[in-house]
Amino acid sequence: MITSIKNEKIQWLKELKNKVKFRKEKALFLVEGEKMIQEIPIEQIHSLYFAESYKGKILAQLFPEEDIPFTIEQLSDRVFSQLSDVESPQGIFALVRMQHAVWQDLLIEEGRRLIVFLEKIQDPGNLGTIFRTAEAAGVSAIFLSEDCVDPYNPKVVRSTMGSLLRVPFCRIEDFSAVLCACKNEGYDIYAADLQAKIDFRQERYKERTAFIFGNESKGLSEESKELATKTVKIPMAGKLDSLNVSVAAALCMYQVYLQS
């Protein structure tokens, strides 16, 4: 059992938890809690860590008839709390291998498709909520600009409630180029914009539809708006001038889903 927070492995895990660059370099991220760990394909689990007071039975549930194909470490409760990202830790987390999707593959798949583009989303809670809602609304893939918050940020991972493991996504360096490629694949691209004149409820969305949602405070870049097929707005009563981006995304995604 590891009992010191100065342990080399613990310091390595803390760096993985806190530093985006280190996560990218190692292609690993942390997933905490029994429910989410049960969603992880076995081959993606690099290692498992549990607190000395952990009383769950997740190992028997995950691997009832086979040898466990990864390393397991026990940590003192004090050490575990240093790595946990929640006030009431469940006592178990996994180190998970990142899966890297290719954006070209995500665009060319057949059948009814709804794709979401996210530009400069900064809040971990917003990104996690969008992932979670996207799964519920049948979104086929999510594309994130490079300057979005890291999708493997522990707060994002936790707020997705497992959707991060199930909804295909990728980060893209050239946001505009992929929007153009999306258009060339026959998608209608809609930009959610406060200044638009078209009510998003009035549109009849076709089989290949994409939506772009922008930064929480600045909205979409002019370049992204210009690449959209149409801009649409969400009507609002009262004196509000905008909705939270995760709420706006939920409304638009579900409007497409309800027409399918």
Protein backbone atom coordinates (compact mmCIF):
# COMPACT_ATOMS: atom_id res chain seq x y z
CA MET A 1 0.00 0.00 0.00
CA ILE A 2 1.24 3.49 -0.88
CA THR A 3 1.09 5.71 2.18
CA SER A 4 3.14 8.77 1.24
CA ILE A 5 1.98 11.64 -0.97
CA LYS A 6 5.64 12.13 -1.87
CA ASN A 7 5.76 8.71 -3.49
CA GLU A 8 7.09 8.98 -7.06
CA LYS A 9 4.05 7.25 -8.55
CA ILE A 10 1.66 9.55 -6.68
CA GLN A 11 3.51 12.63 -7.91
CA TRP A 12 3.30 11.23 -11.44
CA LEU A 13 -0.47 10.71 -11.07
CA LYS A 14 -0.95 14.25 -9.70
CA GLU A 15 0.85 15.65 -12.70
CA LEU A 16 -1.36 13.58 -14.98
CA LYS A 17 -4.45 14.89 -13.21
CA ASN A 18 -3.44 18.55 -13.30
CA LYS A 19 -1.49 19.08 -16.53
CA VAL A 20 -3.05 18.93 -20.00
CA LYS A 21 0.31 18.64 -21.74
CA PHE A 22 1.35 15.68 -19.59
CA ARG A 23 -1.95 13.89 -20.26
CA LYS A 24 -1.48 14.35 -24.01
CA GLU A 25 2.11 13.17 -23.85
CA LYS A 26 1.24 9.99 -21.95
CA ALA A 27 -2.14 9.50 -23.71
CA LEU A 28 -3.69 8.62 -20.34
CA PHE A 29 -6.42 10.14 -18.19
CA LEU A 30 -8.14 9.50 -14.86
CA VAL A 31 -11.67 8.18 -14.37
CA GLU A 32 -13.04 8.17 -10.84
CA GLY A 33 -15.98 6.23 -9.41
CA GLU A 34 -17.44 2.75 -9.80
CA LYS A 35 -20.19 3.57 -12.27
CA MET A 36 -17.91 5.17 -14.84
CA ILE A 37 -15.18 2.58 -14.44
CA GLN A 38 -17.71 -0.12 -15.30
CA GLU A 39 -18.24 1.65 -18.66
CA ILE A 40 -14.58 1.40 -19.67
CA PRO A 41 -13.63 -1.37 -22.13
CA ILE A 42 -11.16 -3.67 -20.41
CA GLU A 43 -8.45 -3.10 -23.01
CA GLN A 44 -8.47 0.64 -22.31
CA ILE A 45 -7.72 0.29 -18.59
CA HIS A 46 -4.04 0.88 -17.86
CA SER A 47 -4.19 0.50 -14.06
CA LEU A 48 -6.58 0.67 -11.14
CA TYR A 49 -6.20 2.40 -7.76
CA PHE A 50 -8.35 2.02 -4.65
CA ALA A 51 -8.35 3.47 -1.14
CA GLU A 52 -7.73 1.34 1.94
CA SER A 53 -11.32 1.96 3.12
CA TYR A 54 -12.85 1.00 -0.26
CA LYS A 55 -15.62 -1.57 0.25
CA GLY A 56 -16.97 -1.98 -3.29
CA LYS A 57 -17.01 -5.13 -5.38
CA ILE A 58 -16.18 -3.66 -8.77
CA LEU A 59 -13.28 -6.02 -9.48
CA ALA A 60 -15.46 -9.10 -9.14
CA GLN A 61 -18.16 -7.46 -11.27
CA LEU A 62 -15.74 -6.50 -14.03
CA PHE A 63 -13.72 -9.68 -14.17
CA PRO A 64 -15.75 -12.58 -12.75
CA GLU A 65 -14.07 -15.31 -14.80
CA GLU A 66 -10.69 -14.02 -15.92
CA ASP A 67 -7.37 -12.73 -14.69
CA ILE A 68 -7.20 -8.98 -14.27
CA PRO A 69 -5.11 -7.69 -17.20
CA PHE A 70 -3.71 -4.57 -15.52
CA THR A 71 -1.92 -3.47 -12.37
CA ILE A 72 -3.77 -2.64 -9.15
CA GLU A 73 -2.49 -0.40 -6.36
CA GLN A 74 -3.89 0.24 -2.90
CA LEU A 75 -3.53 3.75 -1.48
CA SER A 76 -4.01 5.06 2.02
CA ASP A 77 -7.15 7.15 2.40
CA ARG A 78 -5.04 10.28 2.87
CA VAL A 79 -3.10 9.67 -0.34
CA PHE A 80 -6.25 8.79 -2.26
CA SER A 81 -7.90 12.06 -1.19
CA GLN A 82 -4.98 13.96 -2.73
CA LEU A 83 -5.80 12.47 -6.12
CA SER A 84 -9.59 12.60 -5.90
CA ASP A 85 -11.47 15.43 -7.59
CA VAL A 86 -14.63 15.20 -5.46
CA GLU A 87 -15.57 16.09 -1.89
CA SER A 88 -16.81 12.56 -1.08
CA PRO A 89 -14.54 10.11 -2.94
CA GLN A 90 -15.90 6.68 -3.85
CA GLY A 91 -12.51 5.18 -3.18
CA ILE A 92 -11.57 3.94 -6.63
CA PHE A 93 -10.22 5.38 -9.89
CA ALA A 94 -8.76 4.03 -13.10
CA LEU A 95 -5.99 5.24 -15.33
CA VAL A 96 -7.38 4.95 -18.86
CA ARG A 97 -5.80 4.94 -22.31
CA MET A 98 -7.04 7.68 -24.63
CA GLN A 99 -8.71 6.64 -27.87
CA HIS A 100 -7.87 8.78 -30.89
CA ALA A 101 -10.57 9.06 -33.55
CA VAL A 102 -9.78 10.31 -37.06
CA TRP A 103 -12.08 13.16 -38.07
CA GLN A 104 -12.27 12.00 -41.70
CA ASP A 105 -13.68 8.66 -40.56
CA LEU A 106 -16.29 10.36 -38.38
CA LEU A 107 -17.55 12.45 -41.30
CA ILE A 108 -17.97 9.76 -43.94
CA GLU A 109 -20.03 7.24 -41.99
CA GLU A 110 -23.36 6.40 -43.59
CA GLY A 111 -26.91 6.88 -42.31
CA ARG A 112 -28.63 9.69 -40.48
CA ARG A 113 -26.02 11.89 -38.89
CA LEU A 114 -25.96 14.78 -36.43
CA ILE A 115 -22.55 16.28 -35.77
CA VAL A 116 -21.69 18.98 -33.23
CA PHE A 117 -18.77 21.41 -33.61
CA LEU A 118 -17.57 23.21 -30.48
CA GLU A 119 -15.40 26.32 -30.79
CA LYS A 120 -13.41 27.63 -27.80
CA ILE A 121 -15.66 26.15 -25.09
CA GLN A 122 -13.80 26.95 -21.86
CA ASP A 123 -15.89 25.73 -18.95
CA PRO A 124 -15.40 22.04 -18.00
CA GLY A 125 -18.99 21.76 -16.75
CA ASN A 126 -20.38 23.09 -20.03
CA LEU A 127 -18.32 20.69 -22.12
CA GLY A 128 -19.25 17.73 -19.95
CA THR A 129 -22.95 18.60 -20.06
CA ILE A 130 -22.83 18.93 -23.86
CA PHE A 131 -21.30 15.45 -24.14
CA ARG A 132 -23.94 13.99 -21.85
CA THR A 133 -26.82 15.64 -23.71
CA ALA A 134 -25.30 14.78 -27.07
CA GLU A 135 -25.47 11.09 -26.26
CA ALA A 136 -29.11 11.39 -25.20
CA ALA A 137 -29.97 13.29 -28.40
CA GLY A 138 -28.31 10.75 -30.69
CA VAL A 139 -25.36 12.88 -31.79
CA SER A 140 -23.02 10.93 -34.07
CA ALA A 141 -19.78 12.78 -33.31
CA ILE A 142 -18.36 15.85 -31.60
CA PHE A 143 -15.53 17.95 -33.04
CA LEU A 144 -13.64 20.27 -30.70
CA SER A 145 -11.37 23.15 -31.68
CA GLU A 146 -7.86 22.90 -30.25
CA ASP A 147 -8.55 25.83 -27.92
CA CYS A 148 -11.48 24.12 -26.17
CA VAL A 149 -11.00 22.98 -22.59
CA ASP A 150 -9.32 19.57 -22.49
CA PRO A 151 -12.04 16.87 -22.76
CA TYR A 152 -9.91 14.69 -20.45
CA ASN A 153 -9.93 17.30 -17.69
CA PRO A 154 -11.17 15.40 -14.58
CA LYS A 155 -14.09 17.81 -14.16
CA VAL A 156 -15.16 17.25 -17.78
CA VAL A 157 -14.81 13.48 -17.46
CA ARG A 158 -16.91 13.42 -14.30
CA SER A 159 -19.69 15.65 -15.66
CA THR A 160 -20.09 13.56 -18.83
CA MET A 161 -21.37 10.66 -16.68
CA GLY A 162 -19.68 8.19 -19.01
CA SER A 163 -20.73 9.79 -22.31
CA LEU A 164 -17.09 10.68 -23.03
CA LEU A 165 -16.48 6.94 -23.37
CA ARG A 166 -19.40 6.41 -25.74
CA VAL A 167 -19.76 9.46 -28.01
CA PRO A 168 -17.10 9.56 -30.77
CA PHE A 169 -15.10 12.79 -30.72
CA CYS A 170 -11.84 14.35 -31.78
CA ARG A 171 -9.91 17.58 -31.39
CA ILE A 172 -9.09 19.34 -34.66
CA GLU A 173 -6.29 21.76 -35.43
CA ASP A 174 -7.85 23.42 -38.47
CA PHE A 175 -11.44 24.09 -37.43
CA SER A 176 -12.40 25.91 -40.65
CA ALA A 177 -10.96 23.19 -42.89
CA VAL A 178 -13.03 20.50 -41.19
CA LEU A 179 -16.16 22.65 -41.46
CA CYS A 180 -15.51 22.92 -45.21
CA ALA A 181 -14.98 19.15 -45.43
CA CYS A 182 -18.24 18.65 -43.57
CA LYS A 183 -20.04 20.80 -46.15
CA ASN A 184 -18.45 18.83 -48.98
CA GLU A 185 -19.81 15.63 -47.42
CA GLY A 186 -23.34 17.00 -47.85
CA TYR A 187 -24.04 18.35 -44.37
CA ASP A 188 -26.16 21.41 -43.70
CA ILE A 189 -24.22 23.39 -41.10
CA TYR A 190 -26.15 25.57 -38.66
CA ALA A 191 -24.53 28.23 -36.51
CA ALA A 192 -26.31 29.18 -33.30
CA ASP A 193 -26.13 32.98 -33.27
CA LEU A 194 -27.93 35.65 -31.24
CA GLN A 195 -28.18 37.96 -34.27
CA ALA A 196 -29.75 35.39 -36.60
CA LYS A 197 -33.27 35.94 -37.95
CA ILE A 198 -34.32 32.30 -38.39
CA ASP A 199 -35.99 30.58 -35.43
CA PHE A 200 -34.26 27.20 -34.94
CA ARG A 201 -37.69 25.55 -34.53
CA GLN A 202 -38.77 26.55 -38.03
CA GLU A 203 -36.11 24.53 -39.82
CA ARG A 204 -36.65 21.07 -41.25
CA TYR A 205 -33.32 19.37 -40.59
CA LYS A 206 -32.19 16.87 -43.17
CA GLU A 207 -30.39 13.57 -42.69
CA ARG A 208 -26.93 15.15 -42.53
CA THR A 209 -26.95 18.06 -40.11
CA ALA A 210 -24.21 19.80 -38.16
CA PHE A 211 -24.40 22.50 -35.49
CA ILE A 212 -21.65 24.89 -34.37
CA PHE A 213 -21.62 26.34 -30.85
CA GLY A 214 -19.17 28.97 -29.71
CA ASN A 215 -17.38 30.38 -26.70
CA GLU A 216 -19.39 31.16 -23.55
CA SER A 217 -18.71 34.91 -23.61
CA LYS A 218 -17.71 35.71 -27.20
CA GLY A 219 -19.85 33.28 -29.16
CA LEU A 220 -18.76 32.05 -32.59
CA SER A 221 -15.97 33.55 -34.67
CA GLU A 222 -17.01 35.41 -37.81
CA GLU A 223 -15.17 32.82 -39.90
CA SER A 224 -17.26 30.00 -38.49
CA LYS A 225 -20.48 31.93 -39.05
CA GLU A 226 -19.52 32.55 -42.68
CA LEU A 227 -18.88 28.83 -43.24
CA ALA A 228 -22.31 27.87 -41.89
CA THR A 229 -25.13 27.04 -44.28
CA LYS A 230 -27.52 29.04 -42.08
CA THR A 231 -27.50 30.89 -38.78
CA VAL A 232 -30.37 30.27 -36.38
CA LYS A 233 -31.45 31.75 -33.08
CA ILE A 234 -33.27 30.52 -30.00
CA PRO A 235 -36.11 32.93 -29.12
CA MET A 236 -36.16 34.16 -25.53
CA ALA A 237 -38.62 36.03 -23.33
CA GLY A 238 -37.61 38.38 -20.54
CA LYS A 239 -34.50 40.55 -20.49
CA LEU A 240 -31.86 37.87 -21.01
CA ASP A 241 -29.50 38.39 -23.91
CA SER A 242 -28.22 34.80 -24.10
CA LEU A 243 -28.47 31.24 -22.79
CA ASN A 244 -25.74 29.10 -21.29
CA VAL A 245 -24.01 27.34 -24.22
CA SER A 246 -24.82 23.86 -22.88
CA VAL A 247 -28.51 24.79 -22.65
CA ALA A 248 -28.52 26.25 -26.17
CA ALA A 249 -26.77 23.15 -27.50
CA ALA A 250 -29.30 20.89 -25.76
CA LEU A 251 -32.26 22.69 -27.31
CA CYS A 252 -30.81 22.54 -30.82
CA MET A 253 -29.66 18.92 -30.59
CA TYR A 254 -33.05 17.79 -29.32
CA GLN A 255 -34.87 19.72 -32.03
CA VAL A 256 -32.98 17.66 -34.62
CA TYR A 257 -33.51 14.45 -32.64
CA LEU A 258 -37.28 15.01 -32.37
CA GLN A 259 -37.52 15.37 -36.15
CA SER A 260 -35.72 12.09 -36.80
